[in-house]
Amino acid sequence: MTLLGTTLDPRDPAYLEGRGATMQWLAELEAALDEARAGGGEKWVTRHHARGKLLPRERIEMLLDQDSPFLELSPVAALGSEFPVGASVVTGIGVVEGVECVVIANDPTVDGGAVNPYTAAKIRRAARIASENRLPLVNLVESSGEAAPAGSIARELSRLTADRVPTVCVVFGTTSGDAAYLPALSDYTIVVRGHAKMLTIHPQRTGVEVRATPVVPAGPPGPADQLAEDERDGLRLARQCVRRFNWRKQGPSPRNTRPKEPRYDTEALVSLAAAGPAGFDPREVLARILDDSDFDEFKPGQGSVLVAGWGELHGYPVGVLASPGIWLSPAESQKAVHFLQLANATATPVLFLRHPGEIKKSDDADVRHDAPLVHAVAKSTVPHLVLTIGPEPGGSPDRADQPRFQFSWPRPSAEPAAADDGVIDPRDTRTVLGLCLSAVHSAAVAGAEHVGVFRP
């Protein structure tokens, strides 16, 4: 066991200044989250409730096991754009009848539930996470807006079915465009009696009102497996479907079912979030997220800028590659390639801890030295997780090559990067990464025989 130490002094003025900056960014993020949770506003939420209908997060809460966590994905998508914050859909990972599932829930209070480019991208990302990690997908559908472009949502659903990943669709109300085809594309279909309508022609807009022509008659609408009496009954039937999946995880269970908490206070992560790349020490972060602050560093005397090593997070073995800046030296690239080779040989997921802020290149840094590492990452088949700290400069390479999950800490301006699955409070890092590691183990964790060997 190699225990990590810490040199942070809570009384240091720089520490206090960094904490103040991050708390301001978190306040901006919380304001954006409140805007997303508000849906279409008080008027439309009240009208929705008056019809005896539930909001998307209320539907999700009733679907999930009691007191189980829900990892919401991209909750402030579309922030800074012309479209509503949250992109009129809620996506995330939660536990239903003991089974980890991806859940997608339309928000019909937002501009009639219209689907915009951010909505389509958010739903595609959620469906891709379900497919890559072998997670059943539950669609809670009520979307009476314009269609998503080019059948993208339907295409992702078809891939899930081909991979034998179960899909459930609950239709709560008027559903049009591509979303109208979801019941037929899902393995299990539930519709709410008297409310569900599938419209295969896009609705026409007149001011704020939505007029759809023609209307498919309500009755039993097409390929319904079960009719629910109301929304709560529909969610009960959805839970019943998941219970009968007879679902089993293919990946290994946690090595330790009662992991020890880190030895250091996570409050310090709030200050670390404001650190620049030159003063960033990833060991300070690892000491506050790894089980028992236990970290076995790999080749500590070679390529000191890049930190690599092994630990556990919520009982799951994990490898860590962490570095500030953009370019690596030959020694650091060789170290990273060797580390990835070992991670794949042992089928160990890898966490990329990145601080991509602008720093000067070292004298021996050369873009050519990055090529073997880029090649090794591309060939790596173990799950990759990415945590980005600090602002993302233009042109910064992403060495994680389409990670299973990618989160970031808050940065000046709460607007999330396009690739983020969410901007998170630094103090929630351990919990978020633990949920991600549990999700990726729903699928088998495969390694690669060869990920390339660097020869300086």
Protein backbone atom coordinates (compact mmCIF):
# COMPACT_ATOMS: atom_id res chain seq x y z
CA MET A 1 0.00 0.00 0.00
CA THR A 2 1.25 3.47 -0.94
CA LEU A 3 -0.63 6.23 0.82
CA LEU A 4 -0.79 9.65 -0.79
CA GLY A 5 0.17 12.70 1.23
CA THR A 6 -0.95 16.30 0.88
CA THR A 7 0.71 19.70 1.12
CA LEU A 8 -2.38 21.90 0.94
CA ASP A 9 -2.74 24.49 3.71
CA PRO A 10 -6.35 25.70 4.17
CA ARG A 11 -4.97 28.97 5.62
CA ASP A 12 -2.96 29.76 2.49
CA PRO A 13 -4.34 32.95 0.79
CA ALA A 14 -4.06 31.25 -2.62
CA TYR A 15 -6.14 28.37 -1.29
CA LEU A 16 -8.84 30.73 -0.08
CA GLU A 17 -8.80 32.71 -3.33
CA GLY A 18 -9.19 29.56 -5.40
CA ARG A 19 -12.09 28.42 -3.26
CA GLY A 20 -13.85 31.75 -3.72
CA ALA A 21 -13.48 31.59 -7.51
CA THR A 22 -14.82 28.05 -7.73
CA MET A 23 -17.77 28.80 -5.45
CA GLN A 24 -18.74 31.65 -7.79
CA TRP A 25 -18.58 29.31 -10.79
CA LEU A 26 -20.67 26.75 -8.90
CA ALA A 27 -23.28 29.43 -8.15
CA GLU A 28 -23.52 30.16 -11.88
CA LEU A 29 -23.86 26.45 -12.58
CA GLU A 30 -26.60 26.06 -9.95
CA ALA A 31 -28.53 28.94 -11.52
CA ALA A 32 -28.38 27.17 -14.88
CA LEU A 33 -29.52 23.92 -13.26
CA ASP A 34 -32.47 25.73 -11.67
CA GLU A 35 -33.41 27.06 -15.10
CA ALA A 36 -33.31 23.55 -16.58
CA ARG A 37 -35.40 22.10 -13.71
CA ALA A 38 -38.01 24.85 -14.15
CA GLY A 39 -38.95 23.40 -17.54
CA GLY A 40 -41.21 25.66 -19.58
CA GLY A 41 -41.95 27.93 -16.64
CA GLU A 42 -44.54 28.12 -13.90
CA LYS A 43 -47.50 28.63 -16.24
CA TRP A 44 -46.85 25.52 -18.32
CA VAL A 45 -45.81 23.40 -15.33
CA THR A 46 -49.05 24.31 -13.51
CA ARG A 47 -51.08 23.51 -16.61
CA HIS A 48 -49.31 20.17 -16.97
CA HIS A 49 -49.97 19.21 -13.34
CA ALA A 50 -53.61 20.31 -13.65
CA ARG A 51 -54.07 17.67 -16.33
CA GLY A 52 -52.97 15.00 -13.85
CA LYS A 53 -49.59 14.60 -15.53
CA LEU A 54 -46.10 14.35 -14.04
CA LEU A 55 -42.96 16.30 -14.90
CA PRO A 56 -40.01 14.38 -16.38
CA ARG A 57 -37.98 14.31 -13.16
CA GLU A 58 -41.09 13.23 -11.23
CA ARG A 59 -41.55 10.38 -13.68
CA ILE A 60 -37.92 9.37 -13.29
CA GLU A 61 -38.15 9.48 -9.49
CA MET A 62 -41.16 7.13 -9.54
CA LEU A 63 -39.45 4.81 -12.02
CA LEU A 64 -36.22 4.40 -10.03
CA ASP A 65 -35.71 2.30 -6.92
CA GLN A 66 -36.41 4.29 -3.78
CA ASP A 67 -33.44 6.31 -2.47
CA SER A 68 -31.21 5.15 -5.34
CA PRO A 69 -28.91 7.69 -7.04
CA PHE A 70 -29.55 9.18 -10.47
CA LEU A 71 -26.57 10.35 -12.51
CA GLU A 72 -28.05 13.04 -14.75
CA LEU A 73 -26.18 13.59 -18.01
CA SER A 74 -25.63 17.01 -19.62
CA PRO A 75 -28.26 18.71 -17.43
CA VAL A 76 -27.44 22.21 -18.73
CA ALA A 77 -27.11 21.30 -22.40
CA ALA A 78 -27.84 24.21 -24.77
CA LEU A 79 -26.68 26.76 -22.17
CA GLY A 80 -25.61 29.91 -23.99
CA SER A 81 -27.58 29.01 -27.12
CA GLU A 82 -30.95 30.21 -28.42
CA PHE A 83 -32.59 27.03 -27.14
CA PRO A 84 -33.94 26.31 -23.62
CA VAL A 85 -31.39 25.19 -21.03
CA GLY A 86 -31.55 21.43 -20.61
CA ALA A 87 -32.60 20.87 -24.24
CA SER A 88 -36.17 19.84 -23.25
CA VAL A 89 -35.10 16.33 -22.24
CA VAL A 90 -33.69 14.66 -19.13
CA THR A 91 -31.19 11.81 -19.55
CA GLY A 92 -29.17 9.84 -17.05
CA ILE A 93 -28.37 6.53 -15.37
CA GLY A 94 -30.40 5.10 -12.50
CA VAL A 95 -31.34 1.80 -10.88
CA VAL A 96 -34.67 0.15 -11.71
CA GLU A 97 -35.49 -3.08 -9.89
CA GLY A 98 -31.80 -3.49 -9.10
CA VAL A 99 -30.78 -3.00 -12.75
CA GLU A 100 -28.71 0.00 -13.88
CA CYS A 101 -30.55 1.59 -16.82
CA VAL A 102 -30.20 4.62 -19.05
CA VAL A 103 -33.35 6.74 -18.79
CA ILE A 104 -34.54 9.32 -21.34
CA ALA A 105 -37.52 11.52 -20.42
CA ASN A 106 -38.97 14.27 -22.61
CA ASP A 107 -40.08 17.51 -20.97
CA PRO A 108 -43.40 18.41 -22.62
CA THR A 109 -43.64 21.74 -20.75
CA VAL A 110 -40.76 23.23 -22.78
CA ASP A 111 -42.06 24.84 -25.96
CA GLY A 112 -44.45 21.96 -26.52
CA GLY A 113 -41.64 19.44 -26.01
CA ALA A 114 -40.03 20.52 -29.25
CA VAL A 115 -36.94 18.63 -30.34
CA ASN A 116 -34.01 20.86 -31.24
CA PRO A 117 -30.42 20.02 -32.31
CA TYR A 118 -29.28 19.87 -28.68
CA THR A 119 -32.13 17.52 -27.82
CA ALA A 120 -31.19 15.16 -30.62
CA ALA A 121 -27.51 15.19 -29.63
CA LYS A 122 -28.35 14.61 -25.98
CA ILE A 123 -30.61 11.65 -26.76
CA ARG A 124 -28.07 10.16 -29.17
CA ARG A 125 -25.38 10.41 -26.50
CA ALA A 126 -27.58 8.68 -23.92
CA ALA A 127 -28.41 5.88 -26.37
CA ARG A 128 -24.72 5.48 -27.20
CA ILE A 129 -23.85 5.21 -23.50
CA ALA A 130 -26.50 2.49 -23.20
CA SER A 131 -25.05 0.57 -26.14
CA GLU A 132 -21.36 0.91 -25.22
CA ASN A 133 -21.91 -0.07 -21.61
CA ARG A 134 -24.66 -2.64 -22.21
CA LEU A 135 -27.25 -0.77 -20.16
CA PRO A 136 -30.98 -1.31 -20.74
CA LEU A 137 -32.76 1.81 -21.99
CA VAL A 138 -36.07 3.19 -20.73
CA ASN A 139 -37.73 5.92 -22.82
CA LEU A 140 -40.38 8.06 -21.10
CA VAL A 141 -41.90 9.71 -24.15
CA GLU A 142 -44.10 12.75 -24.59
CA SER A 143 -42.79 14.91 -27.40
CA SER A 144 -45.17 16.98 -29.48
CA GLY A 145 -42.59 19.14 -31.17
CA GLU A 146 -40.65 19.11 -34.39
CA ALA A 147 -38.84 15.96 -35.40
CA ALA A 148 -35.18 15.26 -34.81
CA PRO A 149 -33.10 15.36 -37.99
CA ALA A 150 -32.71 12.34 -40.25
CA GLY A 151 -34.13 9.67 -38.00
CA SER A 152 -31.13 9.85 -35.65
CA ILE A 153 -33.03 8.72 -32.55
CA ALA A 154 -34.58 5.76 -34.32
CA ARG A 155 -31.16 4.74 -35.64
CA GLU A 156 -29.68 4.57 -32.14
CA LEU A 157 -32.63 2.48 -30.91
CA SER A 158 -32.11 0.02 -33.75
CA ARG A 159 -28.47 -0.43 -32.74
CA LEU A 160 -29.47 -1.24 -29.19
CA THR A 161 -31.90 -3.89 -30.38
CA ALA A 162 -29.22 -5.40 -32.62
CA ASP A 163 -26.88 -5.62 -29.62
CA ARG A 164 -29.60 -7.36 -27.59
CA VAL A 165 -29.82 -4.55 -25.08
CA PRO A 166 -33.45 -4.37 -23.86
CA THR A 167 -35.43 -1.19 -24.49
CA VAL A 168 -38.67 -0.05 -22.87
CA CYS A 169 -40.90 2.76 -24.12
CA VAL A 170 -43.65 4.38 -22.06
CA VAL A 171 -45.84 6.83 -24.04
CA PHE A 172 -47.52 9.40 -21.80
CA GLY A 173 -49.07 11.77 -24.30
CA THR A 174 -48.98 13.18 -27.80
CA THR A 175 -45.83 12.06 -29.58
CA SER A 176 -44.83 13.13 -33.08
CA GLY A 177 -41.98 13.09 -35.55
CA ASP A 178 -39.24 10.49 -35.12
CA ALA A 179 -40.30 9.96 -31.50
CA ALA A 180 -43.60 8.48 -32.79
CA TYR A 181 -41.65 5.48 -34.09
CA LEU A 182 -40.05 4.70 -30.70
CA PRO A 183 -42.85 2.34 -29.54
CA ALA A 184 -42.43 0.17 -32.62
CA LEU A 185 -38.64 0.14 -32.25
CA SER A 186 -38.65 -0.79 -28.55
CA ASP A 187 -38.78 -4.29 -27.12
CA TYR A 188 -41.46 -3.40 -24.57
CA THR A 189 -44.15 -0.77 -25.17
CA ILE A 190 -46.55 0.74 -22.64
CA VAL A 191 -49.07 3.48 -23.43
CA VAL A 192 -51.25 5.52 -21.10
CA ARG A 193 -54.91 5.00 -21.94
CA GLY A 194 -56.68 8.09 -23.26
CA HIS A 195 -53.54 10.21 -23.46
CA ALA A 196 -51.09 8.51 -25.82
CA LYS A 197 -51.27 9.58 -29.47
CA MET A 198 -48.70 8.87 -32.14
CA LEU A 199 -48.48 11.42 -34.96
CA THR A 200 -46.45 10.37 -37.95
CA ILE A 201 -46.66 13.78 -39.64
CA HIS A 202 -44.84 16.70 -38.03
CA PRO A 203 -47.03 19.20 -36.14
CA GLN A 204 -47.75 22.67 -37.46
CA ARG A 205 -47.13 25.66 -35.20
CA THR A 206 -49.42 28.64 -34.77
CA GLY A 207 -47.84 31.01 -32.27
CA VAL A 208 -47.36 29.00 -29.06
CA GLU A 209 -50.06 26.48 -29.95
CA VAL A 210 -49.22 23.20 -31.64
CA ARG A 211 -51.65 21.79 -34.21
CA ALA A 212 -50.95 18.31 -35.51
CA THR A 213 -52.47 16.91 -38.69
CA PRO A 214 -53.44 14.20 -39.16
CA VAL A 215 -53.98 12.72 -35.70
CA VAL A 216 -53.61 9.00 -35.20
CA PRO A 217 -56.64 7.94 -33.15
CA ALA A 218 -56.02 7.37 -29.43
CA GLY A 219 -57.58 3.86 -28.75
CA PRO A 220 -54.89 1.20 -28.43
CA PRO A 221 -52.26 3.02 -30.52
CA GLY A 222 -50.50 0.47 -32.65
CA PRO A 223 -47.87 -1.79 -31.17
CA ALA A 224 -48.77 -1.43 -27.49
CA ASP A 225 -47.84 -4.41 -25.32
CA GLN A 226 -49.66 -3.04 -22.29
CA LEU A 227 -52.19 -0.28 -21.58
CA ALA A 228 -51.69 1.75 -18.41
CA GLU A 229 -54.60 3.38 -16.63
CA ASP A 230 -52.59 6.47 -15.73
CA GLU A 231 -48.99 7.68 -15.60
CA ARG A 232 -48.19 6.02 -12.27
CA ASP A 233 -49.53 2.73 -13.56
CA GLY A 234 -47.38 3.12 -16.67
CA LEU A 235 -44.26 3.57 -14.55
CA ARG A 236 -45.25 0.55 -12.45
CA LEU A 237 -45.54 -1.55 -15.61
CA ALA A 238 -42.14 -0.27 -16.80
CA ARG A 239 -40.55 -1.42 -13.54
CA GLN A 240 -42.29 -4.75 -14.00
CA CYS A 241 -40.73 -5.12 -17.46
CA VAL A 242 -37.24 -4.44 -16.14
CA ARG A 243 -37.74 -6.91 -13.31
CA ARG A 244 -38.38 -9.64 -15.90
CA PHE A 245 -35.22 -8.93 -17.93
CA ASN A 246 -33.32 -11.50 -15.85
CA TRP A 247 -30.40 -9.09 -16.38
CA ARG A 248 -26.85 -9.92 -15.34
CA LYS A 249 -23.73 -7.77 -15.41
CA GLN A 250 -20.95 -9.21 -17.53
CA GLY A 251 -18.11 -7.32 -15.85
CA PRO A 252 -16.52 -8.26 -12.51
CA SER A 253 -17.93 -7.05 -9.21
CA PRO A 254 -16.00 -4.55 -7.08
CA ARG A 255 -12.88 -6.06 -5.55
CA ASN A 256 -13.88 -4.57 -2.22
CA THR A 257 -17.57 -4.24 -1.36
CA ARG A 258 -16.81 -2.00 1.63
CA PRO A 259 -14.14 0.39 0.38
CA LYS A 260 -12.52 2.87 2.73
CA GLU A 261 -13.18 6.56 2.19
CA PRO A 262 -10.29 8.84 1.17
CA ARG A 263 -8.18 10.06 4.09
CA TYR A 264 -8.42 13.72 3.10
CA ASP A 265 -11.30 16.18 3.07
CA THR A 266 -12.96 16.63 -0.32
CA GLU A 267 -13.55 20.34 0.41
CA ALA A 268 -10.01 20.98 -0.82
CA LEU A 269 -11.12 19.98 -4.32
CA VAL A 270 -13.07 23.24 -4.50
CA SER A 271 -9.79 25.18 -4.31
CA LEU A 272 -7.94 22.78 -6.61
CA ALA A 273 -10.52 23.41 -9.32
CA ALA A 274 -9.21 26.97 -9.71
CA ALA A 275 -5.53 25.97 -9.92
CA GLY A 276 -3.64 26.74 -13.11
CA PRO A 277 -1.82 23.96 -15.01
CA ALA A 278 1.62 25.01 -13.78
CA GLY A 279 0.62 24.61 -10.13
CA PHE A 280 -1.63 21.61 -10.60
CA ASP A 281 -0.59 18.40 -8.80
CA PRO A 282 -2.91 15.49 -9.72
CA ARG A 283 -1.83 13.60 -6.61
CA GLU A 284 -3.77 16.14 -4.54
CA VAL A 285 -6.92 15.17 -6.46
CA LEU A 286 -6.23 11.42 -6.27
CA ALA A 287 -5.71 11.65 -2.51
CA ARG A 288 -9.33 12.82 -2.25
CA ILE A 289 -11.10 10.45 -4.65
CA LEU A 290 -9.31 7.06 -4.40
CA ASP A 291 -10.22 4.46 -1.80
CA ASP A 292 -8.18 5.01 1.38
CA SER A 293 -6.04 7.53 -0.60
CA ASP A 294 -4.06 4.48 -1.76
CA PHE A 295 -2.15 4.98 -5.03
CA ASP A 296 0.72 2.94 -6.45
CA GLU A 297 2.57 5.29 -8.78
CA PHE A 298 3.99 3.83 -12.00
CA LYS A 299 7.56 4.81 -12.96
CA PRO A 300 7.65 7.89 -10.70
CA GLY A 301 11.22 8.67 -11.77
CA GLN A 302 10.44 8.76 -15.50
CA GLY A 303 8.61 11.65 -17.14
CA SER A 304 7.71 13.52 -13.98
CA VAL A 305 5.10 15.78 -15.64
CA LEU A 306 2.84 12.81 -16.39
CA VAL A 307 1.54 10.91 -13.35
CA ALA A 308 0.45 7.30 -13.85
CA GLY A 309 -0.51 4.61 -11.40
CA TRP A 310 -3.02 2.20 -9.92
CA GLY A 311 -5.69 2.48 -7.27
CA GLU A 312 -9.29 1.59 -6.49
CA LEU A 313 -12.42 3.73 -6.59
CA HIS A 314 -15.53 2.45 -4.81
CA GLY A 315 -13.89 -0.97 -4.87
CA TYR A 316 -13.23 -1.03 -8.62
CA PRO A 317 -9.60 -1.25 -9.80
CA VAL A 318 -8.66 1.77 -11.91
CA GLY A 319 -5.57 3.04 -13.69
CA VAL A 320 -4.87 6.78 -13.78
CA LEU A 321 -3.09 8.88 -16.40
CA ALA A 322 -2.82 12.52 -15.35
CA SER A 323 -0.93 15.49 -16.73
CA PRO A 324 -1.22 19.24 -17.26
CA GLY A 325 -0.56 20.92 -20.55
CA ILE A 326 -0.73 19.61 -24.10
CA TRP A 327 2.47 18.03 -25.39
CA LEU A 328 4.51 15.28 -23.70
CA SER A 329 8.23 14.53 -23.81
CA PRO A 330 9.54 11.24 -25.28
CA ALA A 331 9.97 9.80 -21.77
CA GLU A 332 6.41 10.70 -20.81
CA SER A 333 4.92 9.29 -24.02
CA GLN A 334 6.85 6.04 -23.54
CA LYS A 335 5.64 5.84 -19.95
CA ALA A 336 2.00 6.41 -20.95
CA VAL A 337 2.12 3.82 -23.75
CA HIS A 338 3.63 1.22 -21.43
CA PHE A 339 0.99 2.01 -18.81
CA LEU A 340 -1.87 1.60 -21.29
CA GLN A 341 -0.37 -1.70 -22.39
CA LEU A 342 -0.49 -2.98 -18.82
CA ALA A 343 -4.01 -1.64 -18.25
CA ASN A 344 -5.25 -3.57 -21.28
CA ALA A 345 -3.36 -6.71 -20.28
CA THR A 346 -5.12 -6.63 -16.90
CA ALA A 347 -8.51 -5.38 -18.21
CA THR A 348 -8.35 -2.31 -15.93
CA PRO A 349 -10.39 0.81 -16.79
CA VAL A 350 -8.36 4.01 -17.15
CA LEU A 351 -9.17 7.46 -15.77
CA PHE A 352 -7.66 10.34 -17.75
CA LEU A 353 -7.24 13.29 -15.43
CA ARG A 354 -6.64 16.26 -17.70
CA HIS A 355 -5.72 19.88 -17.08
CA PRO A 356 -5.39 21.18 -20.66
CA GLY A 357 -4.73 24.84 -19.85
CA GLU A 358 -2.11 26.57 -21.93
CA ILE A 359 1.50 26.08 -20.73
CA LYS A 360 4.82 26.41 -22.51
CA LYS A 361 6.30 23.37 -24.20
CA SER A 362 9.43 21.87 -22.71
CA ASP A 363 12.58 21.89 -24.85
CA ASP A 364 12.22 18.22 -25.80
CA ALA A 365 8.48 18.36 -26.45
CA ASP A 366 7.51 17.51 -30.02
CA VAL A 367 4.19 16.65 -31.60
CA ARG A 368 5.85 13.57 -33.11
CA HIS A 369 6.31 12.13 -29.62
CA ASP A 370 2.55 12.21 -29.13
CA ALA A 371 1.91 9.92 -32.11
CA PRO A 372 2.71 6.59 -30.35
CA LEU A 373 0.46 7.61 -27.44
CA VAL A 374 -2.40 8.62 -29.74
CA HIS A 375 -2.01 5.27 -31.50
CA ALA A 376 -1.96 3.36 -28.20
CA VAL A 377 -5.07 5.13 -26.93
CA ALA A 378 -6.92 4.43 -30.18
CA LYS A 379 -6.14 0.71 -29.89
CA SER A 380 -6.95 0.49 -26.20
CA THR A 381 -10.22 -1.38 -25.58
CA VAL A 382 -10.62 -0.97 -21.82
CA PRO A 383 -13.16 1.64 -20.69
CA HIS A 384 -11.83 5.21 -20.63
CA LEU A 385 -13.17 7.86 -18.27
CA VAL A 386 -12.17 11.53 -18.57
CA LEU A 387 -12.20 14.24 -15.94
CA THR A 388 -11.20 17.66 -17.26
CA ILE A 389 -10.00 20.36 -14.88
CA GLY A 390 -9.62 23.92 -16.11
CA PRO A 391 -10.57 25.63 -19.38
CA GLU A 392 -10.20 23.81 -22.68
CA PRO A 393 -7.95 25.71 -25.11
CA GLY A 394 -8.60 25.48 -28.83
CA GLY A 395 -6.81 22.65 -30.56
CA SER A 396 -6.09 20.63 -27.41
CA PRO A 397 -5.93 16.94 -28.34
CA ASP A 398 -8.22 14.52 -26.55
CA ARG A 399 -6.10 11.49 -25.71
CA ALA A 400 -9.02 9.49 -24.35
CA ASP A 401 -10.41 8.65 -27.82
CA GLN A 402 -14.19 8.61 -27.36
CA PRO A 403 -14.36 7.87 -23.63
CA ARG A 404 -17.26 6.00 -22.07
CA PHE A 405 -17.90 9.03 -19.84
CA GLN A 406 -16.47 12.55 -19.82
CA PHE A 407 -17.07 15.11 -17.07
CA SER A 408 -15.46 18.41 -16.16
CA TRP A 409 -15.12 20.68 -13.16
CA PRO A 410 -16.59 24.19 -13.41
CA ARG A 411 -14.60 26.73 -15.37
CA PRO A 412 -14.86 30.55 -15.83
CA SER A 413 -18.24 30.63 -17.47
CA ALA A 414 -20.53 27.76 -16.57
CA GLU A 415 -21.11 26.87 -20.23
CA PRO A 416 -20.18 23.18 -20.66
CA ALA A 417 -17.90 21.86 -23.38
CA ALA A 418 -19.68 20.09 -26.22
CA ALA A 419 -18.15 16.72 -25.33
CA ASP A 420 -19.03 16.87 -21.63
CA ASP A 421 -21.54 14.50 -20.06
CA GLY A 422 -21.82 17.13 -17.37
CA VAL A 423 -20.11 19.84 -15.34
CA ILE A 424 -19.90 18.57 -11.76
CA ASP A 425 -19.18 19.97 -8.34
CA PRO A 426 -15.57 18.89 -7.55
CA ARG A 427 -16.78 17.49 -4.22
CA ASP A 428 -19.01 15.03 -6.11
CA THR A 429 -16.13 13.64 -8.21
CA ARG A 430 -15.69 10.39 -6.29
CA THR A 431 -19.42 9.63 -6.36
CA VAL A 432 -19.80 10.43 -10.07
CA LEU A 433 -16.78 8.36 -11.10
CA GLY A 434 -17.95 5.51 -8.89
CA LEU A 435 -21.34 5.46 -10.64
CA CYS A 436 -19.56 5.50 -14.00
CA LEU A 437 -17.29 2.58 -13.06
CA SER A 438 -20.31 0.60 -11.92
CA ALA A 439 -22.05 1.35 -15.23
CA VAL A 440 -19.12 0.29 -17.43
CA HIS A 441 -18.97 -3.06 -15.61
CA SER A 442 -22.43 -3.90 -16.90
CA ALA A 443 -20.51 -4.94 -20.02
CA ALA A 444 -17.48 -7.20 -20.08
CA VAL A 445 -14.25 -5.26 -19.52
CA ALA A 446 -12.08 -6.41 -22.41
CA GLY A 447 -8.40 -5.70 -22.88
CA ALA A 448 -6.30 -5.60 -26.03
CA GLU A 449 -3.38 -7.90 -26.75
CA HIS A 450 -1.29 -5.08 -28.20
CA VAL A 451 -1.62 -1.33 -27.83
CA GLY A 452 1.69 -0.42 -29.41
CA VAL A 453 5.20 -0.12 -28.05
CA PHE A 454 7.03 3.20 -28.05
CA ARG A 455 10.62 3.12 -29.24
CA PRO A 456 12.48 6.42 -28.67
